[in-house]
Amino acid sequence: MSIQERRCEAEGNCGSEATAGDRWIAGISMIAGAALGAAVMYFCDPHRGKARRADLQQKAASAARQTGHGVATKAEDLLNRAKGAFAKAEAAFERGEEGIDDDVVVERVRSHMGHITERAADIQTEVVSGIVVLHGTVSPDKHRHLVKEILTIPGVKGVRDRLVPADSGRKIPASV
């Protein structure tokens, strides 16, 4: 009896389980070797191998650049969002004790109205202690959106809506 046979009997793994595991590892090794050989033949081909290697190199470099650019863009976006959140919190903290001047609020409201409705000149705006009073005509489809947006402006505490929806059948002349 050889040393291997004695060891096999002592450990109790002389049956088919040990040989099945060995066969499985041998099969995987054979497949991996064949795949590696095919890859080497593909890239080392004397006729097209150089072009294939150059193409692979270009694709790898492009992927690395795109990944690096994407990471840098995401990092910059995250930094800008953090700065914005910090500035917003700081501004809210500073405004907590003292109010914003009504003239400043009027200018902010007028600016926002210009982005929402084409007829901002038809709306008179006044601010008293942070309460915005709106007079004039506005298109019915923009009315709710306008009031909602004005409430989000810093310094606005409320809105008194005295706007009249413009008739949908009546044309409003363009302001001169």
Protein backbone atom coordinates (compact mmCIF):
# COMPACT_ATOMS: atom_id res chain seq x y z
CA MET A 1 0.00 0.00 0.00
CA SER A 2 1.37 3.39 -1.01
CA ILE A 3 1.54 6.48 1.19
CA GLN A 4 -1.29 8.10 -0.74
CA GLU A 5 -3.56 5.11 -0.28
CA ARG A 6 -2.83 5.00 3.48
CA ARG A 7 -3.59 8.73 3.80
CA CYS A 8 -6.80 8.28 1.80
CA GLU A 9 -8.00 5.51 4.12
CA ALA A 10 -7.03 7.45 7.23
CA GLU A 11 -8.87 10.60 6.14
CA GLY A 12 -11.82 8.69 4.72
CA ASN A 13 -11.97 10.49 1.37
CA CYS A 14 -11.05 7.72 -1.02
CA GLY A 15 -14.54 7.45 -2.52
CA SER A 16 -16.11 9.08 -5.55
CA GLU A 17 -16.56 12.48 -3.82
CA ALA A 18 -12.85 13.30 -3.96
CA THR A 19 -12.56 12.37 -7.62
CA ALA A 20 -15.76 14.32 -8.54
CA GLY A 21 -14.33 17.47 -6.95
CA ASP A 22 -11.07 16.96 -8.77
CA ARG A 23 -12.92 16.52 -12.07
CA TRP A 24 -14.93 19.70 -11.51
CA ILE A 25 -11.75 21.74 -10.83
CA ALA A 26 -10.07 20.19 -13.87
CA GLY A 27 -13.07 21.08 -16.06
CA ILE A 28 -13.10 24.70 -14.87
CA SER A 29 -9.35 24.95 -15.39
CA MET A 30 -9.66 23.57 -18.91
CA ILE A 31 -12.43 26.07 -19.84
CA ALA A 32 -10.47 28.98 -18.35
CA GLY A 33 -7.34 27.91 -20.23
CA ALA A 34 -9.26 27.67 -23.51
CA ALA A 35 -10.79 31.15 -22.99
CA LEU A 36 -7.38 32.63 -22.18
CA GLY A 37 -5.87 30.98 -25.24
CA ALA A 38 -8.65 32.32 -27.48
CA ALA A 39 -8.15 35.85 -26.08
CA VAL A 40 -4.40 35.67 -26.68
CA MET A 41 -4.96 34.42 -30.24
CA TYR A 42 -7.53 37.20 -30.87
CA PHE A 43 -5.23 40.02 -29.74
CA CYS A 44 -1.95 38.55 -31.01
CA ASP A 45 -3.21 37.69 -34.50
CA PRO A 46 -0.50 38.81 -36.98
CA HIS A 47 -3.02 40.32 -39.39
CA ARG A 48 -5.60 42.10 -37.21
CA GLY A 49 -4.15 41.86 -33.70
CA LYS A 50 -2.48 45.28 -33.72
CA ALA A 51 -5.73 47.02 -34.75
CA ARG A 52 -7.71 45.08 -32.15
CA ARG A 53 -5.25 46.02 -29.40
CA ALA A 54 -5.38 49.69 -30.45
CA ASP A 55 -9.20 49.62 -30.48
CA LEU A 56 -9.28 48.05 -27.01
CA GLN A 57 -6.81 50.67 -25.75
CA GLN A 58 -8.95 53.53 -27.14
CA LYS A 59 -12.15 52.12 -25.63
CA ALA A 60 -10.51 51.65 -22.23
CA ALA A 61 -9.11 55.20 -22.27
CA SER A 62 -12.50 56.63 -23.28
CA ALA A 63 -14.28 54.72 -20.51
CA ALA A 64 -11.73 55.96 -17.97
CA ARG A 65 -12.18 59.58 -19.11
CA GLN A 66 -15.98 59.35 -19.02
CA THR A 67 -15.94 57.78 -15.57
CA GLY A 68 -13.57 60.43 -14.26
CA HIS A 69 -15.65 63.23 -15.78
CA GLY A 70 -18.86 61.77 -14.35
CA VAL A 71 -17.39 61.50 -10.87
CA ALA A 72 -16.06 65.07 -11.03
CA THR A 73 -19.44 66.37 -12.23
CA LYS A 74 -21.31 64.56 -9.44
CA ALA A 75 -18.87 65.83 -6.83
CA GLU A 76 -19.20 69.41 -8.09
CA ASP A 77 -23.01 69.11 -8.10
CA LEU A 78 -23.02 67.79 -4.53
CA LEU A 79 -20.71 70.59 -3.39
CA ASN A 80 -22.91 73.24 -5.02
CA ARG A 81 -26.04 71.77 -3.43
CA ALA A 82 -24.38 71.80 -0.02
CA LYS A 83 -23.30 75.42 -0.48
CA GLY A 84 -26.84 76.37 -1.52
CA ALA A 85 -28.40 74.62 1.46
CA PHE A 86 -25.91 76.30 3.80
CA ALA A 87 -26.58 79.74 2.28
CA LYS A 88 -30.34 79.21 2.55
CA ALA A 89 -30.07 78.17 6.19
CA GLU A 90 -27.77 81.08 6.96
CA ALA A 91 -30.12 83.55 5.28
CA ALA A 92 -33.11 82.16 7.17
CA PHE A 93 -31.22 82.46 10.44
CA GLU A 94 -30.23 86.07 9.71
CA ARG A 95 -33.79 87.01 8.65
CA GLY A 96 -35.29 85.50 11.78
CA GLU A 97 -34.74 88.59 13.89
CA GLU A 98 -35.20 91.39 11.39
CA GLY A 99 -37.56 91.58 8.41
CA ILE A 100 -36.66 92.29 4.82
CA ASP A 101 -37.40 95.80 3.57
CA ASP A 102 -40.75 96.04 1.74
CA ASP A 103 -39.12 97.74 -1.27
CA VAL A 104 -36.82 94.75 -1.71
CA VAL A 105 -39.78 92.36 -1.49
CA VAL A 106 -41.68 94.39 -4.13
CA GLU A 107 -38.73 94.10 -6.53
CA ARG A 108 -38.46 90.35 -5.93
CA VAL A 109 -42.18 89.88 -6.52
CA ARG A 110 -42.12 91.94 -9.73
CA SER A 111 -39.13 89.93 -10.96
CA HIS A 112 -40.86 86.59 -10.29
CA MET A 113 -44.08 87.76 -11.93
CA GLY A 114 -42.16 88.54 -15.12
CA HIS A 115 -41.10 84.88 -15.31
CA ILE A 116 -44.61 83.54 -14.73
CA THR A 117 -46.94 85.76 -16.76
CA GLU A 118 -46.48 87.72 -19.95
CA ARG A 119 -48.72 90.50 -18.65
CA ALA A 120 -46.86 91.43 -15.45
CA ALA A 121 -47.33 95.14 -16.29
CA ASP A 122 -51.11 94.69 -15.80
CA ILE A 123 -50.60 93.74 -12.15
CA GLN A 124 -50.05 96.41 -9.50
CA THR A 125 -48.03 95.22 -6.54
CA GLU A 126 -47.64 96.68 -3.09
CA VAL A 127 -46.11 95.23 0.06
CA VAL A 128 -47.01 96.21 3.62
CA SER A 129 -45.04 94.49 6.40
CA GLY A 130 -44.27 91.50 4.19
CA ILE A 131 -47.89 91.05 3.00
CA VAL A 132 -48.13 91.30 -0.80
CA VAL A 133 -51.29 92.91 -2.23
CA LEU A 134 -51.98 92.19 -5.91
CA HIS A 135 -54.40 94.25 -8.06
CA GLY A 136 -55.12 93.87 -11.76
CA THR A 137 -55.91 91.21 -14.35
CA VAL A 138 -54.21 87.90 -14.95
CA SER A 139 -54.94 84.98 -17.27
CA PRO A 140 -57.03 82.30 -15.52
CA ASP A 141 -54.50 79.53 -16.22
CA LYS A 142 -51.64 81.49 -14.57
CA HIS A 143 -53.58 82.85 -11.56
CA ARG A 144 -53.02 80.01 -9.07
CA HIS A 145 -49.45 79.43 -10.13
CA LEU A 146 -48.63 83.13 -9.71
CA VAL A 147 -49.97 83.32 -6.15
CA LYS A 148 -48.30 80.04 -5.22
CA GLU A 149 -44.91 81.22 -6.53
CA ILE A 150 -45.14 84.59 -4.78
CA LEU A 151 -45.61 82.79 -1.45
CA THR A 152 -42.21 81.09 -1.93
CA ILE A 153 -40.29 84.37 -2.27
CA PRO A 154 -38.07 85.20 0.73
CA GLY A 155 -39.60 88.04 2.77
CA VAL A 156 -43.20 87.34 1.73
CA LYS A 157 -45.38 86.56 4.74
CA GLY A 158 -48.68 86.38 2.90
CA VAL A 159 -50.60 87.36 -0.23
CA ARG A 160 -53.85 89.32 -0.54
CA ASP A 161 -55.15 88.25 -3.89
CA ARG A 162 -57.30 90.95 -5.48
CA LEU A 163 -56.57 89.82 -9.02
CA VAL A 164 -59.38 89.54 -11.56
CA PRO A 165 -59.14 86.71 -14.10
CA ALA A 166 -59.08 88.11 -17.62
CA ASP A 167 -61.98 87.00 -19.83
CA SER A 168 -60.92 84.17 -22.06
CA GLY A 169 -63.08 85.59 -24.90
CA ARG A 170 -61.76 89.14 -24.57
CA LYS A 171 -58.34 89.99 -25.95
CA ILE A 172 -56.13 92.10 -23.75
CA PRO A 173 -54.18 94.65 -25.81
CA ALA A 174 -50.41 94.46 -25.57
CA SER A 175 -48.87 97.08 -23.30
CA VAL A 176 -46.91 99.84 -24.99
